[in-house]
Amino acid sequence: MSEANAGRSAPALLPDGEFPSEAKNGVYAAIFGRRDIRAFRPDPIPDETLARILTAAHHAPSVGFMQPWDFILIRDKETRRRVKDLSDRERRAAACFFEEPRRSKYLSMKLEGILDAPLNLCVTCDPTRGGPQVLGRNSIPETDVYSTCLAVQNLWLAARAEGVGVGWVSILRNAELREILGIPHHVIPVAYLCVGYPRDGFPDEPVLQTNGWRKRLPLDSLVRREAWDADLDRPPGNP
């Protein structure tokens, strides 16, 4: 897929390098409006739109500029049905870890759109890319996977800007997914994504929050100063 005309032009920057307000607001709108989508319309994604989204993913930062990612585009119904069967088996197996009534709630929620979405996309990580010595990776070899996750985030935000929904299917076994997709043993499947236009639009808040599964943690309970055991970063006047 060519990167030509993939919409990579940057906005005219202000003298100090800051984005103008409209462009800046667009970045934050994509971040705060991104959602995990599970229900999709069958409409295909235009090739030009998909090219822009994949180009954004490919422009993610990576340690040592190793660019360890590959993108497997999956449209075949039979392939997706096998992945769906795998996901259903793993979902039933995972249910035993929850007590009632949480178990029934878990089983009642729609957690993927493997067959609904017009496109499934598997993002993988090749730890051998860049050769045996990758600049900056010796001490923390897992940075290849971390870099691939940044490509997933870029893809997700670009998709949101295009009005395209993305859902991450994590209830899968990598060994079986490798077999279904013919992925070499040394390559790591990092994210299996359902991609398409949302059937019901983009929710105002995460679905798991709406369903009462979990709430977003307050930021000031997560920011620490200088060291782990330091005081949390609470606003002045708060105990």
C-alpha atoms as a PDB file:
ATOM      1  CA  MET A   1       0.000   0.000   0.000  1.00  0.00           C
ATOM      2  CA  SER A   2       1.558   3.277  -1.109  1.00  0.00           C
ATOM      3  CA  GLU A   3       2.068   6.194   1.265  1.00  0.00           C
ATOM      4  CA  ALA A   4       1.425   8.657  -1.555  1.00  0.00           C
ATOM      5  CA  ASN A   5      -1.281  11.221  -0.793  1.00  0.00           C
ATOM      6  CA  ALA A   6      -1.707   9.721   2.659  1.00  0.00           C
ATOM      7  CA  GLY A   7      -2.353  13.073   4.349  1.00  0.00           C
ATOM      8  CA  ARG A   8       0.989  13.523   6.098  1.00  0.00           C
ATOM      9  CA  SER A   9       1.203  17.295   5.692  1.00  0.00           C
ATOM     10  CA  ALA A  10       1.718  19.109   9.006  1.00  0.00           C
ATOM     11  CA  PRO A  11      -0.190  22.279   9.906  1.00  0.00           C
ATOM     12  CA  ALA A  12       1.555  25.636   9.635  1.00  0.00           C
ATOM     13  CA  LEU A  13       3.239  25.920  13.023  1.00  0.00           C
ATOM     14  CA  LEU A  14       3.483  28.947  15.275  1.00  0.00           C
ATOM     15  CA  PRO A  15       6.964  30.519  15.688  1.00  0.00           C
ATOM     16  CA  ASP A  16       7.773  28.453  18.796  1.00  0.00           C
ATOM     17  CA  GLY A  17       6.750  25.179  17.100  1.00  0.00           C
ATOM     18  CA  GLU A  18       3.361  25.003  18.803  1.00  0.00           C
ATOM     19  CA  PHE A  19       0.387  23.841  16.744  1.00  0.00           C
ATOM     20  CA  PRO A  20      -2.263  26.477  16.009  1.00  0.00           C
ATOM     21  CA  SER A  21      -5.390  26.182  18.141  1.00  0.00           C
ATOM     22  CA  GLU A  22      -7.526  24.336  15.568  1.00  0.00           C
ATOM     23  CA  ALA A  23      -4.887  21.673  14.943  1.00  0.00           C
ATOM     24  CA  LYS A  24      -4.123  21.350  18.656  1.00  0.00           C
ATOM     25  CA  ASN A  25      -7.815  20.922  19.454  1.00  0.00           C
ATOM     26  CA  GLY A  26      -8.015  18.192  16.813  1.00  0.00           C
ATOM     27  CA  VAL A  27      -5.249  16.200  18.513  1.00  0.00           C
ATOM     28  CA  TYR A  28      -6.967  16.371  21.897  1.00  0.00           C
ATOM     29  CA  ALA A  29     -10.379  15.638  20.356  1.00  0.00           C
ATOM     30  CA  ALA A  30      -8.982  12.390  18.887  1.00  0.00           C
ATOM     31  CA  ILE A  31      -7.431  11.416  22.233  1.00  0.00           C
ATOM     32  CA  PHE A  32     -10.488  12.128  24.373  1.00  0.00           C
ATOM     33  CA  GLY A  33     -12.978  10.867  21.769  1.00  0.00           C
ATOM     34  CA  ARG A  34     -11.231   7.548  21.124  1.00  0.00           C
ATOM     35  CA  ARG A  35     -13.300   4.546  22.157  1.00  0.00           C
ATOM     36  CA  ASP A  36     -13.122   0.751  21.999  1.00  0.00           C
ATOM     37  CA  ILE A  37     -15.824  -0.042  19.419  1.00  0.00           C
ATOM     38  CA  ARG A  38     -17.575  -3.428  19.359  1.00  0.00           C
ATOM     39  CA  ALA A  39     -20.490  -2.928  16.905  1.00  0.00           C
ATOM     40  CA  PHE A  40     -19.847  -1.933  13.280  1.00  0.00           C
ATOM     41  CA  ARG A  41     -21.612  -1.116  10.052  1.00  0.00           C
ATOM     42  CA  PRO A  42     -20.647  -3.376   7.125  1.00  0.00           C
ATOM     43  CA  ASP A  43     -19.538  -0.433   4.928  1.00  0.00           C
ATOM     44  CA  PRO A  44     -15.965  -0.959   3.694  1.00  0.00           C
ATOM     45  CA  ILE A  45     -13.263   1.561   4.572  1.00  0.00           C
ATOM     46  CA  PRO A  46     -12.089   3.425   1.434  1.00  0.00           C
ATOM     47  CA  ASP A  47      -8.554   2.520   0.358  1.00  0.00           C
ATOM     48  CA  GLU A  48      -7.362   6.134   0.701  1.00  0.00           C
ATOM     49  CA  THR A  49      -8.668   6.337   4.282  1.00  0.00           C
ATOM     50  CA  LEU A  50      -7.062   3.041   5.228  1.00  0.00           C
ATOM     51  CA  ALA A  51      -3.777   4.191   3.678  1.00  0.00           C
ATOM     52  CA  ARG A  52      -3.803   7.334   5.840  1.00  0.00           C
ATOM     53  CA  ILE A  53      -4.501   5.317   8.981  1.00  0.00           C
ATOM     54  CA  LEU A  54      -1.751   2.779   8.284  1.00  0.00           C
ATOM     55  CA  THR A  55       0.696   5.536   7.362  1.00  0.00           C
ATOM     56  CA  ALA A  56       0.018   7.183  10.731  1.00  0.00           C
ATOM     57  CA  ALA A  57       0.665   3.858  12.460  1.00  0.00           C
ATOM     58  CA  HIS A  58       3.904   3.393  10.527  1.00  0.00           C
ATOM     59  CA  HIS A  59       5.090   6.832  11.678  1.00  0.00           C
ATOM     60  CA  ALA A  60       5.032   5.851  15.359  1.00  0.00           C
ATOM     61  CA  PRO A  61       8.269   6.243  17.302  1.00  0.00           C
ATOM     62  CA  SER A  62      10.332   3.100  17.841  1.00  0.00           C
ATOM     63  CA  VAL A  63      13.443   2.373  19.875  1.00  0.00           C
ATOM     64  CA  GLY A  64      16.499   2.418  17.609  1.00  0.00           C
ATOM     65  CA  PHE A  65      14.139   3.239  14.715  1.00  0.00           C
ATOM     66  CA  MET A  66      13.698  -0.538  14.369  1.00  0.00           C
ATOM     67  CA  GLN A  67      10.042  -0.274  13.214  1.00  0.00           C
ATOM     68  CA  PRO A  68       9.229  -3.819  14.390  1.00  0.00           C
ATOM     69  CA  TRP A  69       5.587  -3.789  13.305  1.00  0.00           C
ATOM     70  CA  ASP A  70       3.719  -5.509  10.471  1.00  0.00           C
ATOM     71  CA  PHE A  71       0.023  -5.119   9.672  1.00  0.00           C
ATOM     72  CA  ILE A  72      -2.001  -8.165   8.578  1.00  0.00           C
ATOM     73  CA  LEU A  73      -5.249  -7.103   6.899  1.00  0.00           C
ATOM     74  CA  ILE A  74      -7.934  -9.785   7.309  1.00  0.00           C
ATOM     75  CA  ARG A  75     -11.169  -9.657   5.332  1.00  0.00           C
ATOM     76  CA  ASP A  76     -11.770 -13.362   4.650  1.00  0.00           C
ATOM     77  CA  LYS A  77     -14.922 -14.530   6.470  1.00  0.00           C
ATOM     78  CA  GLU A  78     -13.650 -18.029   7.200  1.00  0.00           C
ATOM     79  CA  THR A  79     -10.438 -16.724   8.752  1.00  0.00           C
ATOM     80  CA  ARG A  80     -12.396 -14.305  10.909  1.00  0.00           C
ATOM     81  CA  ARG A  81     -14.816 -17.058  11.909  1.00  0.00           C
ATOM     82  CA  ARG A  82     -11.887 -19.135  13.211  1.00  0.00           C
ATOM     83  CA  VAL A  83     -10.651 -16.154  15.229  1.00  0.00           C
ATOM     84  CA  LYS A  84     -14.182 -15.585  16.532  1.00  0.00           C
ATOM     85  CA  ASP A  85     -14.419 -19.239  17.648  1.00  0.00           C
ATOM     86  CA  LEU A  86     -11.080 -18.864  19.435  1.00  0.00           C
ATOM     87  CA  SER A  87     -12.251 -15.689  21.163  1.00  0.00           C
ATOM     88  CA  ASP A  88     -15.528 -17.313  22.254  1.00  0.00           C
ATOM     89  CA  ARG A  89     -13.684 -20.280  23.776  1.00  0.00           C
ATOM     90  CA  GLU A  90     -11.298 -18.021  25.679  1.00  0.00           C
ATOM     91  CA  ARG A  91     -14.139 -15.821  26.864  1.00  0.00           C
ATOM     92  CA  ARG A  92     -15.995 -18.790  28.338  1.00  0.00           C
ATOM     93  CA  ALA A  93     -12.783 -19.985  29.984  1.00  0.00           C
ATOM     94  CA  ALA A  94     -12.151 -16.538  31.492  1.00  0.00           C
ATOM     95  CA  ALA A  95     -15.652 -16.366  32.983  1.00  0.00           C
ATOM     96  CA  CYS A  96     -14.665 -18.768  35.776  1.00  0.00           C
ATOM     97  CA  PHE A  97     -12.372 -16.112  37.252  1.00  0.00           C
ATOM     98  CA  PHE A  98     -15.350 -13.899  38.165  1.00  0.00           C
ATOM     99  CA  GLU A  99     -17.861 -14.461  40.936  1.00  0.00           C
ATOM    100  CA  GLU A 100     -21.569 -13.919  40.374  1.00  0.00           C
ATOM    101  CA  PRO A 101     -23.144 -11.530  39.541  1.00  0.00           C
ATOM    102  CA  ARG A 102     -19.999 -10.210  37.843  1.00  0.00           C
ATOM    103  CA  ARG A 103     -19.621 -13.438  35.843  1.00  0.00           C
ATOM    104  CA  SER A 104     -23.062 -13.089  34.258  1.00  0.00           C
ATOM    105  CA  LYS A 105     -22.420  -9.421  33.545  1.00  0.00           C
ATOM    106  CA  TYR A 106     -19.119 -10.302  31.852  1.00  0.00           C
ATOM    107  CA  LEU A 107     -20.773 -12.947  29.664  1.00  0.00           C
ATOM    108  CA  SER A 108     -23.621 -10.589  28.732  1.00  0.00           C
ATOM    109  CA  MET A 109     -21.382  -7.816  27.373  1.00  0.00           C
ATOM    110  CA  LYS A 110     -20.469  -7.568  23.690  1.00  0.00           C
ATOM    111  CA  LEU A 111     -16.677  -7.473  23.727  1.00  0.00           C
ATOM    112  CA  GLU A 112     -15.733  -7.812  20.043  1.00  0.00           C
ATOM    113  CA  GLY A 113     -16.924  -7.209  16.490  1.00  0.00           C
ATOM    114  CA  ILE A 114     -14.814  -9.795  14.662  1.00  0.00           C
ATOM    115  CA  LEU A 115     -17.536 -10.782  12.197  1.00  0.00           C
ATOM    116  CA  ASP A 116     -19.368  -7.426  12.163  1.00  0.00           C
ATOM    117  CA  ALA A 117     -16.440  -5.234  11.163  1.00  0.00           C
ATOM    118  CA  PRO A 118     -15.517  -5.086   7.459  1.00  0.00           C
ATOM    119  CA  LEU A 119     -11.828  -5.392   8.375  1.00  0.00           C
ATOM    120  CA  ASN A 120      -9.800  -7.198  11.006  1.00  0.00           C
ATOM    121  CA  LEU A 121      -6.204  -6.129  11.458  1.00  0.00           C
ATOM    122  CA  CYS A 122      -3.448  -7.895  13.378  1.00  0.00           C
ATOM    123  CA  VAL A 123      -0.466  -5.775  14.413  1.00  0.00           C
ATOM    124  CA  THR A 124       2.637  -7.871  15.062  1.00  0.00           C
ATOM    125  CA  CYS A 125       6.142  -7.319  16.420  1.00  0.00           C
ATOM    126  CA  ASP A 126       9.248  -8.829  14.826  1.00  0.00           C
ATOM    127  CA  PRO A 127      12.000  -8.825  17.506  1.00  0.00           C
ATOM    128  CA  THR A 128      14.659  -9.625  14.872  1.00  0.00           C
ATOM    129  CA  ARG A 129      14.073  -6.498  12.820  1.00  0.00           C
ATOM    130  CA  GLY A 130      17.119  -4.267  12.840  1.00  0.00           C
ATOM    131  CA  GLY A 131      19.508  -7.168  13.448  1.00  0.00           C
ATOM    132  CA  PRO A 132      21.038  -8.522  16.649  1.00  0.00           C
ATOM    133  CA  GLN A 133      22.038  -5.069  17.952  1.00  0.00           C
ATOM    134  CA  VAL A 134      19.391  -2.360  18.023  1.00  0.00           C
ATOM    135  CA  LEU A 135      20.431   1.020  19.389  1.00  0.00           C
ATOM    136  CA  GLY A 136      18.902   1.593  22.836  1.00  0.00           C
ATOM    137  CA  ARG A 137      17.394  -1.884  23.227  1.00  0.00           C
ATOM    138  CA  ASN A 138      20.145  -3.841  24.984  1.00  0.00           C
ATOM    139  CA  SER A 139      19.012  -3.062  28.531  1.00  0.00           C
ATOM    140  CA  ILE A 140      15.270  -3.419  27.939  1.00  0.00           C
ATOM    141  CA  PRO A 141      14.633  -5.898  25.103  1.00  0.00           C
ATOM    142  CA  GLU A 142      10.850  -5.543  25.524  1.00  0.00           C
ATOM    143  CA  THR A 143      11.033  -2.079  23.962  1.00  0.00           C
ATOM    144  CA  ASP A 144      10.283  -3.726  20.608  1.00  0.00           C
ATOM    145  CA  VAL A 145       6.797  -4.622  21.893  1.00  0.00           C
ATOM    146  CA  TYR A 146       6.433  -1.210  23.558  1.00  0.00           C
ATOM    147  CA  SER A 147       7.245   0.426  20.215  1.00  0.00           C
ATOM    148  CA  THR A 148       4.619  -1.706  18.469  1.00  0.00           C
ATOM    149  CA  CYS A 149       2.032  -0.545  21.019  1.00  0.00           C
ATOM    150  CA  LEU A 150       2.829   3.046  20.012  1.00  0.00           C
ATOM    151  CA  ALA A 151       2.000   2.104  16.409  1.00  0.00           C
ATOM    152  CA  VAL A 152      -1.335   0.711  17.629  1.00  0.00           C
ATOM    153  CA  GLN A 153      -2.063   3.977  19.437  1.00  0.00           C
ATOM    154  CA  ASN A 154      -1.188   6.030  16.353  1.00  0.00           C
ATOM    155  CA  LEU A 155      -3.478   3.816  14.274  1.00  0.00           C
ATOM    156  CA  TRP A 156      -6.306   4.194  16.776  1.00  0.00           C
ATOM    157  CA  LEU A 157      -6.081   7.976  16.986  1.00  0.00           C
ATOM    158  CA  ALA A 158      -5.814   8.387  13.211  1.00  0.00           C
ATOM    159  CA  ALA A 159      -8.837   6.130  12.789  1.00  0.00           C
ATOM    160  CA  ARG A 160     -10.811   8.225  15.281  1.00  0.00           C
ATOM    161  CA  ALA A 161      -9.921  11.384  13.359  1.00  0.00           C
ATOM    162  CA  GLU A 162     -11.275   9.683  10.207  1.00  0.00           C
ATOM    163  CA  GLY A 163     -14.507   8.652  11.952  1.00  0.00           C
ATOM    164  CA  VAL A 164     -13.426   5.004  11.871  1.00  0.00           C
ATOM    165  CA  GLY A 165     -13.884   2.824  14.936  1.00  0.00           C
ATOM    166  CA  VAL A 166     -11.361   0.357  16.352  1.00  0.00           C
ATOM    167  CA  GLY A 167     -11.852  -2.433  18.872  1.00  0.00           C
ATOM    168  CA  TRP A 168      -8.996  -4.395  20.465  1.00  0.00           C
ATOM    169  CA  VAL A 169      -9.740  -8.121  20.904  1.00  0.00           C
ATOM    170  CA  SER A 170      -7.481  -9.313  23.714  1.00  0.00           C
ATOM    171  CA  ILE A 171      -9.364 -12.494  24.645  1.00  0.00           C
ATOM    172  CA  LEU A 172      -7.230 -14.705  22.389  1.00  0.00           C
ATOM    173  CA  ARG A 173      -4.382 -17.198  22.674  1.00  0.00           C
ATOM    174  CA  ASN A 174      -1.340 -16.073  20.693  1.00  0.00           C
ATOM    175  CA  ALA A 175      -0.208 -19.617  19.871  1.00  0.00           C
ATOM    176  CA  GLU A 176      -3.532 -20.410  18.191  1.00  0.00           C
ATOM    177  CA  LEU A 177      -3.755 -16.993  16.546  1.00  0.00           C
ATOM    178  CA  ARG A 178      -0.290 -17.573  15.044  1.00  0.00           C
ATOM    179  CA  GLU A 179      -1.533 -20.827  13.536  1.00  0.00           C
ATOM    180  CA  ILE A 180      -4.689 -19.285  12.074  1.00  0.00           C
ATOM    181  CA  LEU A 181      -2.802 -16.368  10.472  1.00  0.00           C
ATOM    182  CA  GLY A 182       0.396 -18.255   9.574  1.00  0.00           C
ATOM    183  CA  ILE A 183       2.542 -15.958  11.715  1.00  0.00           C
ATOM    184  CA  PRO A 184       6.161 -17.159  12.154  1.00  0.00           C
ATOM    185  CA  HIS A 185       6.939 -18.467  15.621  1.00  0.00           C
ATOM    186  CA  HIS A 186       9.396 -15.672  16.451  1.00  0.00           C
ATOM    187  CA  VAL A 187       6.911 -12.912  15.535  1.00  0.00           C
ATOM    188  CA  ILE A 188       4.658 -11.678  18.366  1.00  0.00           C
ATOM    189  CA  PRO A 189       0.959 -10.912  17.719  1.00  0.00           C
ATOM    190  CA  VAL A 190       0.507  -7.716  19.743  1.00  0.00           C
ATOM    191  CA  ALA A 191      -2.973  -6.457  18.848  1.00  0.00           C
ATOM    192  CA  TYR A 192      -5.909  -8.030  17.038  1.00  0.00           C
ATOM    193  CA  LEU A 193      -8.160  -5.155  15.975  1.00  0.00           C
ATOM    194  CA  CYS A 194     -11.650  -4.870  14.523  1.00  0.00           C
ATOM    195  CA  VAL A 195     -11.849  -1.837  12.239  1.00  0.00           C
ATOM    196  CA  GLY A 196     -14.848  -0.149  10.632  1.00  0.00           C
ATOM    197  CA  TYR A 197     -17.469   2.553  10.943  1.00  0.00           C
ATOM    198  CA  PRO A 198     -19.315   2.356  14.304  1.00  0.00           C
ATOM    199  CA  ARG A 199     -22.884   1.119  14.066  1.00  0.00           C
ATOM    200  CA  ASP A 200     -24.021   3.320  16.953  1.00  0.00           C
ATOM    201  CA  GLY A 201     -21.527   6.173  16.772  1.00  0.00           C
ATOM    202  CA  PHE A 202     -18.818   6.933  19.324  1.00  0.00           C
ATOM    203  CA  PRO A 203     -19.985   6.744  22.964  1.00  0.00           C
ATOM    204  CA  ASP A 204     -19.415   9.732  25.228  1.00  0.00           C
ATOM    205  CA  GLU A 205     -17.470   7.575  27.686  1.00  0.00           C
ATOM    206  CA  PRO A 206     -15.838   4.127  27.656  1.00  0.00           C
ATOM    207  CA  VAL A 207     -18.358   1.280  27.440  1.00  0.00           C
ATOM    208  CA  LEU A 208     -16.950  -0.502  30.501  1.00  0.00           C
ATOM    209  CA  GLN A 209     -17.448   2.700  32.487  1.00  0.00           C
ATOM    210  CA  THR A 210     -21.010   3.084  31.217  1.00  0.00           C
ATOM    211  CA  ASN A 211     -21.725  -0.540  32.133  1.00  0.00           C
ATOM    212  CA  GLY A 212     -20.416  -0.014  35.647  1.00  0.00           C
ATOM    213  CA  TRP A 213     -17.509  -2.434  35.207  1.00  0.00           C
ATOM    214  CA  ARG A 214     -14.807   0.085  36.148  1.00  0.00           C
ATOM    215  CA  LYS A 215     -14.409   3.842  36.565  1.00  0.00           C
ATOM    216  CA  ARG A 216     -11.576   6.026  35.355  1.00  0.00           C
ATOM    217  CA  LEU A 217      -9.104   6.570  38.161  1.00  0.00           C
ATOM    218  CA  PRO A 218      -8.517  10.192  39.208  1.00  0.00           C
ATOM    219  CA  LEU A 219      -5.245  11.510  37.778  1.00  0.00           C
ATOM    220  CA  ASP A 220      -4.062  12.933  41.079  1.00  0.00           C
ATOM    221  CA  SER A 221      -4.075   9.399  42.546  1.00  0.00           C
ATOM    222  CA  LEU A 222      -1.526   8.293  39.931  1.00  0.00           C
ATOM    223  CA  VAL A 223       1.035  11.115  39.714  1.00  0.00           C
ATOM    224  CA  ARG A 224       3.989  10.845  42.109  1.00  0.00           C
ATOM    225  CA  ARG A 225       6.818  13.311  42.594  1.00  0.00           C
ATOM    226  CA  GLU A 226      10.452  12.229  42.266  1.00  0.00           C
ATOM    227  CA  ALA A 227      10.033   8.668  43.595  1.00  0.00           C
ATOM    228  CA  TRP A 228       7.411   5.928  44.037  1.00  0.00           C
ATOM    229  CA  ASP A 229       6.939   6.440  47.777  1.00  0.00           C
ATOM    230  CA  ALA A 230       6.644  10.223  47.453  1.00  0.00           C
ATOM    231  CA  ASP A 231       3.427  12.097  48.128  1.00  0.00           C
ATOM    232  CA  LEU A 232       0.869  11.840  45.389  1.00  0.00           C
ATOM    233  CA  ASP A 233       0.373  14.934  43.276  1.00  0.00           C
ATOM    234  CA  ARG A 234      -2.795  16.305  44.842  1.00  0.00           C
ATOM    235  CA  PRO A 235      -4.043  19.830  44.219  1.00  0.00           C
ATOM    236  CA  PRO A 236      -3.105  22.381  46.934  1.00  0.00           C
ATOM    237  CA  GLY A 237      -5.426  22.226  49.939  1.00  0.00           C
ATOM    238  CA  ASN A 238      -6.356  18.550  49.459  1.00  0.00           C
ATOM    239  CA  PRO A 239      -5.268  16.139  52.235  1.00  0.00           C
END
